[in-house]
Amino acid sequence: IVIVTPSVGWAGTGPVDPGDACGTGEASATLKKVTMLIMFDRSWSMTQCADPAFTPPGFGTTLGCTNMPPGPNRWDLTSQALTLFFQDPQAADLNVGLPFFPHDVAGCTGVMGVMAGLNCDVATCAQPLVPPGLLTADAAPTDAHEAALVAAVQASVPPGPAMPNPNPATPTSAALGGAAQWATMQQMTHPDEQAVIVLITDGEPQGCDMNANNIAQIAADA
C-alpha cells in the first residue's frame, strides 16, 4: 500500500507526481490465519419452536410456539446453518474447533443445586469435542475435518421433553469462560494468528453464574 500526500496540484485534473508530495509512506498488508472456536448450545430449550409464525403445509393458520413444534426448531435451523458453513468451500483455510454446552460429562453440565459448583468448571467447558483443525475446499470425506465437525453436530442433538434430560441447565457463564480461556491461550501461543469465538445460544443462562453483566464482562476481559 503506497500513500501519497500531495503538496501541489491536489485540485488539478492531472496525476500527482510523487516527487511533489509533502510526504509518502509505504506499508504491506497480510491476512492472518483465523482460528475459530464455535461454542454451541445444546440445552433442552434448543428443541423448542424457532418461528412462532410458522404455518405447516395444509394449515390455514399459524400454530404458534409449543415445546414440540411441527416446524423446524432452534436446533434444526442452527445446526443446518452450521453444517452448510462447514461444507462451504469458502470456509477453506479456517481453523475450526467445536465445543458444546452443556457437556454430558461432569464439569460442564451446569446442573443447579448443591452440586452446581462442580458442574461449572471453566477448564472443562474449554475442551472442544472436535479439536481445531483446518477446513479445506474439498467435500467430506476428503476433507476429514469437515466430516468430523458435521458428525459431531449430528450426534449432539439436545434431548427433548419426551426423554430424561441429563442437561437441564444452560451454563453460559462457564461455557463462555471456557471459550475465552481457550482463545486467550491460543492467541498468546500463536501471536501471528487471530483467535475468534462464536457463541450460539437461544436464550437466558440457567445454572452457574446467571448475571448478564458478569457474563458480558467475561467477553470484555477476553
Protein backbone atom coordinates (compact mmCIF):
# COMPACT_ATOMS: atom_id res chain seq x y z
CA ILE A 1 0.00 0.00 0.00
CA VAL A 2 1.51 3.34 -1.05
CA ILE A 3 0.07 6.57 0.31
CA VAL A 4 0.95 9.86 -1.36
CA THR A 5 0.00 13.18 0.19
CA PRO A 6 0.40 15.98 -2.41
CA SER A 7 1.56 19.49 -1.61
CA VAL A 8 0.61 20.92 -5.02
CA GLY A 9 -1.78 20.10 -7.78
CA TRP A 10 -4.39 18.45 -5.49
CA ALA A 11 -7.21 20.41 -7.11
CA GLY A 12 -5.93 19.82 -10.63
CA THR A 13 -7.14 17.26 -13.10
CA GLY A 14 -3.84 15.57 -13.85
CA PRO A 15 -1.97 12.88 -11.86
CA VAL A 16 0.07 13.87 -8.85
CA ASP A 17 3.83 13.48 -9.12
CA PRO A 18 5.11 11.65 -6.00
CA GLY A 19 8.13 13.96 -6.22
CA ASP A 20 5.86 16.87 -5.35
CA ALA A 21 4.40 15.15 -2.29
CA CYS A 22 4.91 16.60 1.15
CA GLY A 23 5.11 13.06 2.49
CA THR A 24 4.95 9.46 1.35
CA GLY A 25 4.52 6.18 3.15
CA GLU A 26 4.61 2.52 2.25
CA ALA A 27 3.25 -0.45 4.18
CA SER A 28 2.48 -4.07 3.40
CA ALA A 29 -0.72 -5.85 4.40
CA THR A 30 -1.15 -9.55 5.09
CA LEU A 31 -4.10 -11.67 6.16
CA LYS A 32 -3.87 -13.50 9.46
CA LYS A 33 -4.82 -17.12 9.79
CA VAL A 34 -8.08 -17.40 11.76
CA THR A 35 -8.72 -20.00 14.45
CA MET A 36 -12.42 -20.11 15.31
CA LEU A 37 -13.94 -21.78 18.36
CA ILE A 38 -17.70 -22.32 17.94
CA MET A 39 -19.39 -22.80 21.33
CA PHE A 40 -22.76 -24.41 20.54
CA ASP A 41 -25.72 -24.51 22.96
CA ARG A 42 -27.34 -27.96 23.12
CA SER A 43 -29.62 -27.33 26.07
CA TRP A 44 -33.19 -28.63 26.07
CA SER A 45 -34.68 -25.28 25.03
CA MET A 46 -32.93 -25.57 21.67
CA THR A 47 -35.60 -28.17 20.78
CA GLN A 48 -38.31 -25.55 21.14
CA CYS A 49 -40.07 -23.53 18.48
CA ALA A 50 -37.91 -21.41 16.22
CA ASP A 51 -40.63 -19.42 14.48
CA PRO A 52 -43.94 -18.51 16.17
CA ALA A 53 -45.35 -17.56 12.75
CA PHE A 54 -44.70 -21.00 11.22
CA THR A 55 -47.64 -22.32 9.19
CA PRO A 56 -47.47 -26.06 8.49
CA PRO A 57 -48.36 -27.27 5.00
CA GLY A 58 -52.14 -27.77 4.72
CA PHE A 59 -52.91 -25.47 7.65
CA GLY A 60 -54.56 -22.12 7.11
CA THR A 61 -53.31 -20.58 10.34
CA THR A 62 -50.14 -20.49 12.35
CA LEU A 63 -49.86 -22.82 15.32
CA GLY A 64 -47.61 -20.62 17.43
CA CYS A 65 -44.80 -21.92 19.59
CA THR A 66 -45.02 -25.09 21.62
CA ASN A 67 -42.37 -27.26 23.18
CA MET A 68 -42.69 -29.73 20.31
CA PRO A 69 -43.44 -27.54 17.28
CA PRO A 70 -44.47 -29.01 13.94
CA GLY A 71 -41.92 -26.86 12.13
CA PRO A 72 -38.14 -26.61 12.40
CA ASN A 73 -36.92 -25.99 15.92
CA ARG A 74 -34.00 -23.86 17.03
CA TRP A 75 -31.53 -26.73 16.90
CA ASP A 76 -32.69 -27.75 13.42
CA LEU A 77 -32.07 -24.31 11.97
CA THR A 78 -28.79 -23.52 13.70
CA SER A 79 -27.28 -26.97 13.12
CA GLN A 80 -28.29 -26.87 9.45
CA ALA A 81 -26.73 -23.43 9.04
CA LEU A 82 -23.55 -24.55 10.79
CA THR A 83 -23.33 -27.67 8.65
CA LEU A 84 -23.65 -25.57 5.48
CA PHE A 85 -20.89 -23.31 6.80
CA PHE A 86 -18.55 -26.27 7.36
CA GLN A 87 -19.34 -27.57 3.87
CA ASP A 88 -18.87 -24.24 2.10
CA PRO A 89 -15.65 -24.19 0.03
CA GLN A 90 -15.25 -20.52 1.00
CA ALA A 91 -14.59 -21.65 4.58
CA ALA A 92 -11.37 -23.27 3.39
CA ASP A 93 -8.26 -22.41 5.42
CA LEU A 94 -10.25 -21.60 8.55
CA ASN A 95 -9.03 -23.45 11.62
CA VAL A 96 -12.24 -24.50 13.42
CA GLY A 97 -12.88 -26.18 16.78
CA LEU A 98 -16.31 -27.19 18.14
CA PRO A 99 -17.28 -27.50 21.81
CA PHE A 100 -20.86 -27.83 23.04
CA PHE A 101 -22.55 -26.69 26.21
CA PRO A 102 -23.74 -28.24 28.33
CA HIS A 103 -21.49 -31.27 28.04
CA ASP A 104 -22.69 -34.72 29.03
CA VAL A 105 -19.62 -35.05 31.23
CA ALA A 106 -19.38 -33.78 34.78
CA GLY A 107 -17.75 -30.40 34.99
CA CYS A 108 -19.74 -28.53 32.35
CA THR A 109 -23.35 -29.63 32.83
CA GLY A 110 -24.34 -26.52 34.75
CA VAL A 111 -26.67 -28.58 36.94
CA MET A 112 -28.07 -26.36 39.67
CA GLY A 113 -28.27 -27.10 43.36
CA VAL A 114 -25.64 -28.29 45.83
CA MET A 115 -23.53 -29.75 43.01
CA ALA A 116 -23.60 -26.58 40.91
CA GLY A 117 -20.02 -25.59 41.68
CA LEU A 118 -18.70 -28.94 40.46
CA ASN A 119 -20.61 -28.59 37.18
CA CYS A 120 -19.49 -25.07 36.25
CA ASP A 121 -15.81 -25.77 35.70
CA VAL A 122 -14.39 -23.35 33.15
CA ALA A 123 -11.45 -25.59 32.26
CA THR A 124 -13.78 -28.49 31.47
CA CYS A 125 -16.01 -26.27 29.33
CA ALA A 126 -12.93 -25.13 27.43
CA GLN A 127 -12.32 -28.60 25.97
CA PRO A 128 -13.73 -28.87 22.42
CA LEU A 129 -15.45 -32.08 21.35
CA VAL A 130 -13.76 -31.59 17.97
CA PRO A 131 -10.30 -30.02 18.38
CA PRO A 132 -9.36 -27.21 15.99
CA GLY A 133 -8.43 -28.37 12.53
CA LEU A 134 -8.11 -26.86 9.08
CA LEU A 135 -11.06 -26.89 6.69
CA THR A 136 -10.30 -27.35 3.01
CA ALA A 137 -12.19 -26.61 -0.18
CA ASP A 138 -12.75 -30.35 -0.67
CA ALA A 139 -16.01 -32.00 0.33
CA ALA A 140 -16.20 -34.67 3.03
CA PRO A 141 -14.98 -37.35 3.34
CA THR A 142 -11.94 -35.98 1.52
CA ASP A 143 -12.00 -33.10 3.99
CA ALA A 144 -11.76 -35.21 7.14
CA HIS A 145 -12.15 -32.24 9.46
CA GLU A 146 -15.38 -31.16 7.79
CA ALA A 147 -16.66 -34.72 8.21
CA ALA A 148 -15.75 -34.70 11.92
CA LEU A 149 -17.48 -31.37 12.56
CA VAL A 150 -20.67 -32.40 10.75
CA ALA A 151 -20.74 -35.77 12.52
CA ALA A 152 -20.35 -34.05 15.92
CA VAL A 153 -23.30 -31.77 15.21
CA GLN A 154 -25.46 -34.69 14.09
CA ALA A 155 -24.56 -36.68 17.21
CA SER A 156 -25.25 -33.84 19.66
CA VAL A 157 -28.99 -33.28 19.23
CA PRO A 158 -30.37 -31.96 22.56
CA PRO A 159 -32.67 -34.29 24.48
CA GLY A 160 -36.32 -33.34 24.12
CA PRO A 161 -39.15 -33.33 26.67
CA ALA A 162 -40.07 -36.93 25.81
CA MET A 163 -36.82 -38.25 27.25
CA PRO A 164 -34.93 -37.70 30.51
CA ASN A 165 -32.77 -34.64 30.17
CA PRO A 166 -29.26 -35.08 31.59
CA ASN A 167 -28.51 -31.40 30.98
CA PRO A 168 -31.38 -29.26 32.25
CA ALA A 169 -29.25 -26.14 32.52
CA THR A 170 -27.64 -23.64 30.16
CA PRO A 171 -24.23 -22.91 31.75
CA THR A 172 -23.48 -19.87 29.60
CA SER A 173 -21.02 -18.27 32.01
CA ALA A 174 -18.88 -21.41 32.30
CA ALA A 175 -19.10 -22.07 28.56
CA LEU A 176 -18.14 -18.56 27.55
CA GLY A 177 -15.47 -18.51 30.25
CA GLY A 178 -14.05 -21.73 28.87
CA ALA A 179 -14.10 -20.41 25.32
CA ALA A 180 -12.40 -17.19 26.43
CA GLN A 181 -9.77 -19.14 28.34
CA TRP A 182 -9.06 -21.30 25.30
CA ALA A 183 -8.99 -18.38 22.84
CA THR A 184 -6.74 -16.29 25.07
CA MET A 185 -4.20 -19.09 25.31
CA GLN A 186 -4.47 -19.71 21.57
CA GLN A 187 -3.78 -16.03 20.87
CA MET A 188 -0.81 -15.94 23.26
CA THR A 189 0.81 -19.04 21.78
CA HIS A 190 0.03 -18.08 18.17
CA PRO A 191 0.50 -14.29 18.02
CA ASP A 192 0.58 -14.29 14.22
CA GLU A 193 -2.94 -15.70 14.09
CA GLN A 194 -6.34 -14.35 15.12
CA ALA A 195 -8.46 -16.29 17.62
CA VAL A 196 -12.23 -15.88 17.29
CA ILE A 197 -15.11 -17.07 19.50
CA VAL A 198 -18.58 -17.73 18.09
CA LEU A 199 -21.28 -18.33 20.73
CA ILE A 200 -24.51 -19.94 19.50
CA THR A 201 -27.33 -19.88 22.05
CA ASP A 202 -31.07 -19.32 22.15
CA GLY A 203 -31.75 -17.60 25.41
CA GLU A 204 -31.07 -16.80 29.01
CA PRO A 205 -28.49 -18.72 31.03
CA GLN A 206 -29.64 -21.31 33.54
CA GLY A 207 -27.19 -22.63 36.10
CA CYS A 208 -23.74 -21.34 37.06
CA ASP A 209 -23.45 -17.53 37.12
CA MET A 210 -26.64 -16.17 35.57
CA ASN A 211 -25.81 -12.47 35.97
CA ALA A 212 -25.84 -10.94 32.49
CA ASN A 213 -23.36 -8.21 33.47
CA ASN A 214 -20.89 -10.79 34.75
CA ILE A 215 -21.22 -12.81 31.55
CA ALA A 216 -20.70 -9.69 29.45
CA GLN A 217 -17.58 -8.95 31.48
CA ILE A 218 -16.15 -12.36 30.54
CA ALA A 219 -16.27 -11.32 26.89
CA ALA A 220 -14.96 -7.83 27.67
CA ASP A 221 -11.99 -9.24 29.61
CA ALA A 222 -11.14 -11.59 26.75
